Amino acid sequence: MKVAGVFLLLSLALCFYQGNAEMDAAAFRGTEPSCDNFNLRRGCTREFEPICGTDDILYSNECLLCLHNLQRSSHVRIKNRGMCRTPRAYPTGN
């Protein structure tokens, strides 16, 4: 009986671990920003609706993330809406 209980607990722990790993992988991939909603030629508003990119850089809003992708020919996606857990400094053009 004890062996069956230990086996059951180990099986549950493995299931939870795999679920967390899949969630972390999904966060790394991120979601595609809706860049078609913005006229990037006119620029972005100054509204602060923070977006954490998959590059761990905090963007003030989704439009600025799209503008960054356009200017740098990169493909940063949205890791999460809100502050980054471990933000990096925004790269300067030096």
Protein backbone atom coordinates (compact mmCIF):
# COMPACT_ATOMS: atom_id res chain seq x y z
CA MET A 1 0.00 0.00 0.00
CA LYS A 2 2.84 2.40 0.83
CA VAL A 3 4.53 1.65 -2.49
CA ALA A 4 1.34 2.47 -4.40
CA GLY A 5 0.97 5.76 -2.49
CA VAL A 6 4.56 6.78 -3.22
CA PHE A 7 4.11 5.87 -6.88
CA LEU A 8 0.93 7.96 -7.05
CA LEU A 9 2.61 10.98 -5.46
CA LEU A 10 5.58 10.75 -7.83
CA SER A 11 3.23 10.50 -10.81
CA LEU A 12 1.32 13.60 -9.73
CA ALA A 13 4.55 15.53 -9.15
CA LEU A 14 5.76 14.61 -12.64
CA CYS A 15 2.46 15.76 -14.20
CA PHE A 16 2.63 19.14 -12.44
CA TYR A 17 6.28 19.58 -13.43
CA GLN A 18 5.52 18.90 -17.11
CA GLY A 19 2.56 21.31 -17.01
CA ASN A 20 4.75 24.10 -15.61
CA ALA A 21 7.44 23.45 -18.22
CA GLU A 22 4.86 23.76 -21.00
CA MET A 23 3.55 27.02 -19.53
CA ASP A 24 7.10 28.42 -19.31
CA ALA A 25 7.75 27.44 -22.93
CA ALA A 26 4.52 29.17 -24.03
CA ALA A 27 5.56 32.33 -22.17
CA PHE A 28 8.92 32.26 -23.94
CA ARG A 29 7.25 32.03 -27.35
CA GLY A 30 4.82 34.79 -26.42
CA THR A 31 1.89 36.07 -28.41
CA GLU A 32 1.98 38.03 -31.62
CA PRO A 33 1.47 41.81 -31.20
CA SER A 34 -1.45 43.36 -33.13
CA CYS A 35 0.69 45.74 -35.18
CA ASP A 36 -2.02 46.19 -37.83
CA ASN A 37 -3.97 48.20 -35.24
CA PHE A 38 -1.39 51.02 -35.33
CA ASN A 39 -0.25 53.53 -37.95
CA LEU A 40 3.47 53.23 -37.24
CA ARG A 41 4.36 55.95 -39.76
CA ARG A 42 2.56 58.49 -37.57
CA GLY A 43 4.22 57.25 -34.39
CA CYS A 44 2.87 55.94 -31.12
CA THR A 45 0.90 57.55 -28.32
CA ARG A 46 2.43 58.14 -24.89
CA GLU A 47 -0.10 55.97 -23.08
CA PHE A 48 1.52 53.73 -20.48
CA GLU A 49 0.12 50.25 -20.97
CA PRO A 50 3.26 48.22 -20.25
CA ILE A 51 4.16 45.23 -22.39
CA CYS A 52 6.95 42.81 -21.55
CA GLY A 53 8.58 41.54 -24.73
CA THR A 54 10.07 38.11 -25.23
CA ASP A 55 13.43 39.92 -25.15
CA ASP A 56 12.64 40.84 -21.49
CA ILE A 57 12.53 44.54 -22.36
CA LEU A 58 9.65 46.60 -20.99
CA TYR A 59 7.84 48.58 -23.70
CA SER A 60 5.52 51.43 -22.68
CA ASN A 61 2.80 50.09 -24.95
CA GLU A 62 2.15 47.58 -27.73
CA CYS A 63 2.63 50.20 -30.45
CA LEU A 64 6.19 50.86 -29.28
CA LEU A 65 6.95 47.12 -29.39
CA CYS A 66 5.67 47.06 -32.99
CA LEU A 67 7.75 50.14 -33.84
CA HIS A 68 10.82 48.47 -32.36
CA ASN A 69 10.21 45.38 -34.53
CA LEU A 70 9.83 47.54 -37.64
CA GLN A 71 12.92 49.70 -37.02
CA ARG A 72 15.22 46.86 -35.99
CA SER A 73 13.81 44.21 -38.37
CA SER A 74 13.30 41.96 -35.35
CA HIS A 75 10.46 39.76 -34.22
CA VAL A 76 9.88 40.42 -30.52
CA ARG A 77 6.58 39.04 -29.28
CA ILE A 78 4.50 39.79 -26.17
CA LYS A 79 5.68 37.72 -23.23
CA ASN A 80 3.04 39.24 -20.94
CA ARG A 81 1.04 42.39 -20.47
CA GLY A 82 2.36 44.36 -17.53
CA MET A 83 5.78 44.65 -15.96
CA CYS A 84 8.61 42.22 -16.71
CA ARG A 85 9.76 40.04 -13.86
CA THR A 86 13.42 40.63 -14.73
CA PRO A 87 13.49 43.69 -17.02
CA ARG A 88 16.53 44.53 -19.13
CA ALA A 89 17.52 48.04 -20.10
CA TYR A 90 16.18 49.18 -23.47
CA PRO A 91 19.09 49.08 -25.95
CA THR A 92 20.32 52.48 -27.09
CA GLY A 93 21.46 53.21 -30.61
CA ASN A 94 25.09 54.02 -29.62
